[in-house]
Amino acid sequence: MARVVVDVMPKPEILDPQGQAVAKALPRLGFEGVIEVRQGKRFELEVDDSVDDETLTKIAADLLANTVIEDFTVRRLDA
């Protein structure tokens, strides 16, 4: 078994209203110095060792991310 993490983030050119809302709220809560916030999604998958990286990339591109507006990374965690 392997644990795989897929991180999905809005592409840099895509407006991120949720991230902007967090960034605006931080100073009101007393947190200074944060310039920008981008909000994304993290998926953790447990897969058989037989699942190859090409299949994982296809899962991320076809199901987990909207590749028109989001980028993603796929990485296997050490056991």
PDB file of N, CA and C in Angstrom:
ATOM      1  N   MET A   1       0.844  -1.186   0.000  1.00  0.00           N
ATOM      2  CA  MET A   1       0.000   0.000   0.000  1.00  0.00           C
ATOM      3  C   MET A   1       0.884   1.243   0.000  1.00  0.00           C
ATOM      4  N   ALA A   2       0.390   2.249  -0.678  1.00  0.00           N
ATOM      5  CA  ALA A   2       1.102   3.519  -0.735  1.00  0.00           C
ATOM      6  C   ALA A   2       0.119   4.642  -0.435  1.00  0.00           C
ATOM      7  N   ARG A   3       0.614   5.676   0.213  1.00  0.00           N
ATOM      8  CA  ARG A   3      -0.201   6.868   0.461  1.00  0.00           C
ATOM      9  C   ARG A   3       0.248   7.932  -0.544  1.00  0.00           C
ATOM     10  N   VAL A   4      -0.733   8.491  -1.224  1.00  0.00           N
ATOM     11  CA  VAL A   4      -0.475   9.492  -2.264  1.00  0.00           C
ATOM     12  C   VAL A   4      -1.219  10.767  -1.888  1.00  0.00           C
ATOM     13  N   VAL A   5      -0.557  11.895  -2.077  1.00  0.00           N
ATOM     14  CA  VAL A   5      -1.171  13.189  -1.820  1.00  0.00           C
ATOM     15  C   VAL A   5      -1.298  13.935  -3.147  1.00  0.00           C
ATOM     16  N   VAL A   6      -2.488  14.434  -3.403  1.00  0.00           N
ATOM     17  CA  VAL A   6      -2.733  15.283  -4.569  1.00  0.00           C
ATOM     18  C   VAL A   6      -3.129  16.655  -4.044  1.00  0.00           C
ATOM     19  N   ASP A   7      -2.303  17.643  -4.354  1.00  0.00           N
ATOM     20  CA  ASP A   7      -2.599  19.030  -3.988  1.00  0.00           C
ATOM     21  C   ASP A   7      -3.136  19.740  -5.218  1.00  0.00           C
ATOM     22  N   VAL A   8      -4.269  20.417  -5.053  1.00  0.00           N
ATOM     23  CA  VAL A   8      -4.921  21.126  -6.152  1.00  0.00           C
ATOM     24  C   VAL A   8      -5.014  22.598  -5.756  1.00  0.00           C
ATOM     25  N   MET A   9      -4.528  23.467  -6.645  1.00  0.00           N
ATOM     26  CA  MET A   9      -4.537  24.906  -6.384  1.00  0.00           C
ATOM     27  C   MET A   9      -5.054  25.661  -7.597  1.00  0.00           C
ATOM     28  N   PRO A  10      -5.694  26.810  -7.362  1.00  0.00           N
ATOM     29  CA  PRO A  10      -6.097  27.632  -8.509  1.00  0.00           C
ATOM     30  C   PRO A  10      -4.854  28.061  -9.289  1.00  0.00           C
ATOM     31  N   LYS A  11      -4.975  28.125 -10.598  1.00  0.00           N
ATOM     32  CA  LYS A  11      -3.862  28.617 -11.407  1.00  0.00           C
ATOM     33  C   LYS A  11      -3.574  30.063 -11.005  1.00  0.00           C
ATOM     34  N   PRO A  12      -2.318  30.505 -11.147  1.00  0.00           N
ATOM     35  CA  PRO A  12      -1.951  31.854 -10.693  1.00  0.00           C
ATOM     36  C   PRO A  12      -2.796  32.964 -11.304  1.00  0.00           C
ATOM     37  N   GLU A  13      -3.236  32.784 -12.541  1.00  0.00           N
ATOM     38  CA  GLU A  13      -4.003  33.842 -13.199  1.00  0.00           C
ATOM     39  C   GLU A  13      -5.490  33.827 -12.846  1.00  0.00           C
ATOM     40  N   ILE A  14      -5.916  32.859 -12.048  1.00  0.00           N
ATOM     41  CA  ILE A  14      -7.321  32.733 -11.663  1.00  0.00           C
ATOM     42  C   ILE A  14      -7.559  33.464 -10.338  1.00  0.00           C
ATOM     43  N   LEU A  15      -8.582  34.295 -10.296  1.00  0.00           N
ATOM     44  CA  LEU A  15      -8.963  35.001  -9.080  1.00  0.00           C
ATOM     45  C   LEU A  15      -9.341  33.985  -7.998  1.00  0.00           C
ATOM     46  N   ASP A  16      -8.899  34.223  -6.778  1.00  0.00           N
ATOM     47  CA  ASP A  16      -9.174  33.312  -5.665  1.00  0.00           C
ATOM     48  C   ASP A  16      -9.916  34.076  -4.564  1.00  0.00           C
ATOM     49  N   PRO A  17     -11.240  34.214  -4.674  1.00  0.00           N
ATOM     50  CA  PRO A  17     -11.979  35.009  -3.684  1.00  0.00           C
ATOM     51  C   PRO A  17     -11.910  34.445  -2.270  1.00  0.00           C
ATOM     52  N   GLN A  18     -11.839  33.125  -2.123  1.00  0.00           N
ATOM     53  CA  GLN A  18     -11.728  32.551  -0.771  1.00  0.00           C
ATOM     54  C   GLN A  18     -10.384  32.913  -0.154  1.00  0.00           C
ATOM     55  N   GLY A  19      -9.337  32.819  -0.934  1.00  0.00           N
ATOM     56  CA  GLY A  19      -8.017  33.207  -0.438  1.00  0.00           C
ATOM     57  C   GLY A  19      -7.967  34.683  -0.089  1.00  0.00           C
ATOM     58  N   GLN A  20      -8.589  35.511  -0.920  1.00  0.00           N
ATOM     59  CA  GLN A  20      -8.617  36.948  -0.645  1.00  0.00           C
ATOM     60  C   GLN A  20      -9.376  37.254   0.641  1.00  0.00           C
ATOM     61  N   ALA A  21     -10.462  36.540   0.885  1.00  0.00           N
ATOM     62  CA  ALA A  21     -11.237  36.755   2.109  1.00  0.00           C
ATOM     63  C   ALA A  21     -10.407  36.407   3.336  1.00  0.00           C
ATOM     64  N   VAL A  22      -9.650  35.319   3.258  1.00  0.00           N
ATOM     65  CA  VAL A  22      -8.787  34.937   4.378  1.00  0.00           C
ATOM     66  C   VAL A  22      -7.704  35.993   4.581  1.00  0.00           C
ATOM     67  N   ALA A  23      -7.091  36.428   3.487  1.00  0.00           N
ATOM     68  CA  ALA A  23      -6.026  37.437   3.586  1.00  0.00           C
ATOM     69  C   ALA A  23      -6.534  38.728   4.224  1.00  0.00           C
ATOM     70  N   LYS A  24      -7.759  39.134   3.895  1.00  0.00           N
ATOM     71  CA  LYS A  24      -8.322  40.355   4.478  1.00  0.00           C
ATOM     72  C   LYS A  24      -8.693  40.170   5.949  1.00  0.00           C
ATOM     73  N   ALA A  25      -9.051  38.960   6.337  1.00  0.00           N
ATOM     74  CA  ALA A  25      -9.455  38.704   7.722  1.00  0.00           C
ATOM     75  C   ALA A  25      -8.252  38.622   8.669  1.00  0.00           C
ATOM     76  N   LEU A  26      -7.110  38.208   8.181  1.00  0.00           N
ATOM     77  CA  LEU A  26      -5.949  38.007   9.063  1.00  0.00           C
ATOM     78  C   LEU A  26      -5.560  39.255   9.849  1.00  0.00           C
ATOM     79  N   PRO A  27      -5.430  40.427   9.230  1.00  0.00           N
ATOM     80  CA  PRO A  27      -5.063  41.616  10.023  1.00  0.00           C
ATOM     81  C   PRO A  27      -6.110  41.959  11.086  1.00  0.00           C
ATOM     82  N   ARG A  28      -7.386  41.744  10.761  1.00  0.00           N
ATOM     83  CA  ARG A  28      -8.439  42.022  11.752  1.00  0.00           C
ATOM     84  C   ARG A  28      -8.308  41.106  12.969  1.00  0.00           C
ATOM     85  N   LEU A  29      -7.708  39.947  12.752  1.00  0.00           N
ATOM     86  CA  LEU A  29      -7.519  38.994  13.847  1.00  0.00           C
ATOM     87  C   LEU A  29      -6.156  39.150  14.524  1.00  0.00           C
ATOM     88  N   GLY A  30      -5.402  40.158  14.089  1.00  0.00           N
ATOM     89  CA  GLY A  30      -4.124  40.441  14.734  1.00  0.00           C
ATOM     90  C   GLY A  30      -2.922  39.791  14.080  1.00  0.00           C
ATOM     91  N   PHE A  31      -3.097  39.203  12.920  1.00  0.00           N
ATOM     92  CA  PHE A  31      -1.979  38.560  12.210  1.00  0.00           C
ATOM     93  C   PHE A  31      -1.500  39.477  11.108  1.00  0.00           C
ATOM     94  N   GLU A  32      -0.279  39.954  11.231  1.00  0.00           N
ATOM     95  CA  GLU A  32       0.288  40.894  10.265  1.00  0.00           C
ATOM     96  C   GLU A  32       1.354  40.206   9.421  1.00  0.00           C
ATOM     97  N   GLY A  33       1.621  40.777   8.246  1.00  0.00           N
ATOM     98  CA  GLY A  33       2.730  40.328   7.418  1.00  0.00           C
ATOM     99  C   GLY A  33       2.379  39.302   6.357  1.00  0.00           C
ATOM    100  N   VAL A  34       1.148  38.845   6.306  1.00  0.00           N
ATOM    101  CA  VAL A  34       0.759  37.896   5.266  1.00  0.00           C
ATOM    102  C   VAL A  34       0.378  38.703   4.026  1.00  0.00           C
ATOM    103  N   ILE A  35       1.080  38.471   2.935  1.00  0.00           N
ATOM    104  CA  ILE A  35       0.894  39.242   1.711  1.00  0.00           C
ATOM    105  C   ILE A  35      -0.258  38.691   0.870  1.00  0.00           C
ATOM    106  N   GLU A  36      -0.288  37.364   0.713  1.00  0.00           N
ATOM    107  CA  GLU A  36      -1.287  36.745  -0.161  1.00  0.00           C
ATOM    108  C   GLU A  36      -1.656  35.373   0.381  1.00  0.00           C
ATOM    109  N   VAL A  37      -2.896  34.972   0.151  1.00  0.00           N
ATOM    110  CA  VAL A  37      -3.373  33.639   0.522  1.00  0.00           C
ATOM    111  C   VAL A  37      -4.028  33.031  -0.707  1.00  0.00           C
ATOM    112  N   ARG A  38      -3.682  31.794  -1.012  1.00  0.00           N
ATOM    113  CA  ARG A  38      -4.333  31.019  -2.067  1.00  0.00           C
ATOM    114  C   ARG A  38      -4.921  29.790  -1.397  1.00  0.00           C
ATOM    115  N   GLN A  39      -6.186  29.528  -1.632  1.00  0.00           N
ATOM    116  CA  GLN A  39      -6.839  28.379  -1.009  1.00  0.00           C
ATOM    117  C   GLN A  39      -6.982  27.268  -2.034  1.00  0.00           C
ATOM    118  N   GLY A  40      -6.614  26.057  -1.616  1.00  0.00           N
ATOM    119  CA  GLY A  40      -6.709  24.911  -2.508  1.00  0.00           C
ATOM    120  C   GLY A  40      -7.321  23.717  -1.806  1.00  0.00           C
ATOM    121  N   LYS A  41      -7.085  22.553  -2.396  1.00  0.00           N
ATOM    122  CA  LYS A  41      -7.619  21.301  -1.852  1.00  0.00           C
ATOM    123  C   LYS A  41      -6.485  20.290  -1.751  1.00  0.00           C
ATOM    124  N   ARG A  42      -6.587  19.409  -0.773  1.00  0.00           N
ATOM    125  CA  ARG A  42      -5.622  18.320  -0.596  1.00  0.00           C
ATOM    126  C   ARG A  42      -6.405  17.020  -0.525  1.00  0.00           C
ATOM    127  N   PHE A  43      -5.992  16.065  -1.344  1.00  0.00           N
ATOM    128  CA  PHE A  43      -6.593  14.737  -1.341  1.00  0.00           C
ATOM    129  C   PHE A  43      -5.529  13.740  -0.915  1.00  0.00           C
ATOM    130  N   GLU A  44      -5.891  12.805  -0.055  1.00  0.00           N
ATOM    131  CA  GLU A  44      -4.993  11.712   0.331  1.00  0.00           C
ATOM    132  C   GLU A  44      -5.622  10.413  -0.130  1.00  0.00           C
ATOM    133  N   LEU A  45      -4.857   9.652  -0.883  1.00  0.00           N
ATOM    134  CA  LEU A  45      -5.324   8.378  -1.415  1.00  0.00           C
ATOM    135  C   LEU A  45      -4.433   7.264  -0.911  1.00  0.00           C
ATOM    136  N   GLU A  46      -5.014   6.158  -0.524  1.00  0.00           N
ATOM    137  CA  GLU A  46      -4.249   4.941  -0.263  1.00  0.00           C
ATOM    138  C   GLU A  46      -4.471   4.028  -1.445  1.00  0.00           C
ATOM    139  N   VAL A  47      -3.387   3.635  -2.088  1.00  0.00           N
ATOM    140  CA  VAL A  47      -3.479   2.845  -3.305  1.00  0.00           C
ATOM    141  C   VAL A  47      -2.590   1.614  -3.210  1.00  0.00           C
ATOM    142  N   ASP A  48      -2.949   0.606  -4.004  1.00  0.00           N
ATOM    143  CA  ASP A  48      -2.088  -0.570  -4.121  1.00  0.00           C
ATOM    144  C   ASP A  48      -0.770  -0.161  -4.753  1.00  0.00           C
ATOM    145  N   ASP A  49       0.277  -0.896  -4.456  1.00  0.00           N
ATOM    146  CA  ASP A  49       1.581  -0.621  -5.059  1.00  0.00           C
ATOM    147  C   ASP A  49       1.551  -0.756  -6.578  1.00  0.00           C
ATOM    148  N   SER A  50       0.541  -1.447  -7.099  1.00  0.00           N
ATOM    149  CA  SER A  50       0.447  -1.654  -8.547  1.00  0.00           C
ATOM    150  C   SER A  50      -0.034  -0.420  -9.301  1.00  0.00           C
ATOM    151  N   VAL A  51      -0.553   0.586  -8.589  1.00  0.00           N
ATOM    152  CA  VAL A  51      -1.040   1.803  -9.241  1.00  0.00           C
ATOM    153  C   VAL A  51       0.159   2.684  -9.583  1.00  0.00           C
ATOM    154  N   ASP A  52       0.367   2.910 -10.879  1.00  0.00           N
ATOM    155  CA  ASP A  52       1.559   3.652 -11.306  1.00  0.00           C
ATOM    156  C   ASP A  52       1.295   5.162 -11.336  1.00  0.00           C
ATOM    157  N   ASP A  53       2.374   5.920 -11.513  1.00  0.00           N
ATOM    158  CA  ASP A  53       2.281   7.383 -11.490  1.00  0.00           C
ATOM    159  C   ASP A  53       1.411   7.915 -12.627  1.00  0.00           C
ATOM    160  N   GLU A  54       1.437   7.272 -13.768  1.00  0.00           N
ATOM    161  CA  GLU A  54       0.612   7.703 -14.900  1.00  0.00           C
ATOM    162  C   GLU A  54      -0.878   7.604 -14.543  1.00  0.00           C
ATOM    163  N   THR A  55      -1.260   6.524 -13.877  1.00  0.00           N
ATOM    164  CA  THR A  55      -2.648   6.353 -13.455  1.00  0.00           C
ATOM    165  C   THR A  55      -3.029   7.400 -12.416  1.00  0.00           C
ATOM    166  N   LEU A  56      -2.142   7.672 -11.477  1.00  0.00           N
ATOM    167  CA  LEU A  56      -2.413   8.682 -10.459  1.00  0.00           C
ATOM    168  C   LEU A  56      -2.595  10.060 -11.084  1.00  0.00           C
ATOM    169  N   THR A  57      -1.777  10.376 -12.069  1.00  0.00           N
ATOM    170  CA  THR A  57      -1.905  11.656 -12.761  1.00  0.00           C
ATOM    171  C   THR A  57      -3.238  11.732 -13.492  1.00  0.00           C
ATOM    172  N   LYS A  58      -3.657  10.644 -14.100  1.00  0.00           N
ATOM    173  CA  LYS A  58      -4.947  10.618 -14.803  1.00  0.00           C
ATOM    174  C   LYS A  58      -6.108  10.806 -13.823  1.00  0.00           C
ATOM    175  N   ILE A  59      -6.017  10.171 -12.656  1.00  0.00           N
ATOM    176  CA  ILE A  59      -7.051  10.347 -11.629  1.00  0.00           C
ATOM    177  C   ILE A  59      -7.145  11.822 -11.232  1.00  0.00           C
ATOM    178  N   ALA A  60      -5.998  12.436 -10.996  1.00  0.00           N
ATOM    179  CA  ALA A  60      -5.980  13.843 -10.584  1.00  0.00           C
ATOM    180  C   ALA A  60      -6.538  14.745 -11.676  1.00  0.00           C
ATOM    181  N   ALA A  61      -6.118  14.514 -12.913  1.00  0.00           N
ATOM    182  CA  ALA A  61      -6.532  15.383 -14.017  1.00  0.00           C
ATOM    183  C   ALA A  61      -7.999  15.193 -14.383  1.00  0.00           C
ATOM    184  N   ASP A  62      -8.488  13.958 -14.318  1.00  0.00           N
ATOM    185  CA  ASP A  62      -9.850  13.671 -14.762  1.00  0.00           C
ATOM    186  C   ASP A  62     -10.910  13.855 -13.685  1.00  0.00           C
ATOM    187  N   LEU A  63     -10.524  13.706 -12.408  1.00  0.00           N
ATOM    188  CA  LEU A  63     -11.523  13.701 -11.352  1.00  0.00           C
ATOM    189  C   LEU A  63     -11.291  14.748 -10.259  1.00  0.00           C
ATOM    190  N   LEU A  64     -10.067  14.880  -9.805  1.00  0.00           N
ATOM    191  CA  LEU A  64      -9.819  15.697  -8.616  1.00  0.00           C
ATOM    192  C   LEU A  64      -9.628  17.177  -8.911  1.00  0.00           C
ATOM    193  N   ALA A  65      -9.146  17.501 -10.103  1.00  0.00           N
ATOM    194  CA  ALA A  65      -8.878  18.900 -10.451  1.00  0.00           C
ATOM    195  C   ALA A  65      -9.664  19.299 -11.690  1.00  0.00           C
ATOM    196  N   ASN A  66     -10.039  20.559 -11.733  1.00  0.00           N
ATOM    197  CA  ASN A  66     -10.586  21.142 -12.954  1.00  0.00           C
ATOM    198  C   ASN A  66      -9.398  21.808 -13.648  1.00  0.00           C
ATOM    199  N   THR A  67      -8.810  21.121 -14.611  1.00  0.00           N
ATOM    200  CA  THR A  67      -7.537  21.569 -15.186  1.00  0.00           C
ATOM    201  C   THR A  67      -7.652  22.855 -16.005  1.00  0.00           C
ATOM    202  N   VAL A  68      -8.859  23.333 -16.243  1.00  0.00           N
ATOM    203  CA  VAL A  68      -9.018  24.627 -16.911  1.00  0.00           C
ATOM    204  C   VAL A  68      -8.597  25.746 -15.964  1.00  0.00           C
ATOM    205  N   ILE A  69      -8.925  25.602 -14.677  1.00  0.00           N
ATOM    206  CA  ILE A  69      -8.652  26.678 -13.721  1.00  0.00           C
ATOM    207  C   ILE A  69      -7.751  26.259 -12.564  1.00  0.00           C
ATOM    208  N   GLU A  70      -7.364  24.978 -12.508  1.00  0.00           N
ATOM    209  CA  GLU A  70      -6.553  24.496 -11.375  1.00  0.00           C
ATOM    210  C   GLU A  70      -5.333  23.732 -11.863  1.00  0.00           C
ATOM    211  N   ASP A  71      -4.251  23.864 -11.099  1.00  0.00           N
ATOM    212  CA  ASP A  71      -3.049  23.047 -11.268  1.00  0.00           C
ATOM    213  C   ASP A  71      -3.041  22.010 -10.160  1.00  0.00           C
ATOM    214  N   PHE A  72      -2.301  20.927 -10.375  1.00  0.00           N
ATOM    215  CA  PHE A  72      -2.209  19.904  -9.337  1.00  0.00           C
ATOM    216  C   PHE A  72      -0.811  19.303  -9.307  1.00  0.00           C
ATOM    217  N   THR A  73      -0.469  18.768  -8.139  1.00  0.00           N
ATOM    218  CA  THR A  73       0.755  17.984  -7.990  1.00  0.00           C
ATOM    219  C   THR A  73       0.385  16.661  -7.350  1.00  0.00           C
ATOM    220  N   VAL A  74       1.083  15.619  -7.736  1.00  0.00           N
ATOM    221  CA  VAL A  74       0.880  14.287  -7.192  1.00  0.00           C
ATOM    222  C   VAL A  74       2.189  13.831  -6.592  1.00  0.00           C
ATOM    223  N   ARG A  75       2.145  13.350  -5.348  1.00  0.00           N
ATOM    224  CA  ARG A  75       3.375  12.831  -4.728  1.00  0.00           C
ATOM    225  C   ARG A  75       3.053  11.655  -3.844  1.00  0.00           C
ATOM    226  N   ARG A  76       3.964  10.712  -3.835  1.00  0.00           N
ATOM    227  CA  ARG A  76       3.861   9.549  -2.947  1.00  0.00           C
ATOM    228  C   ARG A  76       4.582   9.887  -1.645  1.00  0.00           C
ATOM    229  N   LEU A  77       3.955   9.540  -0.523  1.00  0.00           N
ATOM    230  CA  LEU A  77       4.585   9.747   0.776  1.00  0.00           C
ATOM    231  C   LEU A  77       5.397   8.518   1.140  1.00  0.00           C
ATOM    232  N   ASP A  78       6.492   8.737   1.828  1.00  0.00           N
ATOM    233  CA  ASP A  78       7.302   7.620   2.296  1.00  0.00           C
ATOM    234  C   ASP A  78       6.537   6.849   3.357  1.00  0.00           C
ATOM    235  N   ALA A  79       6.713   5.557   3.323  1.00  0.00           N
ATOM    236  CA  ALA A  79       6.001   4.693   4.290  1.00  0.00           C
ATOM    237  C   ALA A  79       6.570   4.798   5.669  1.00  0.00           C
TER     238      ALA A  79
END
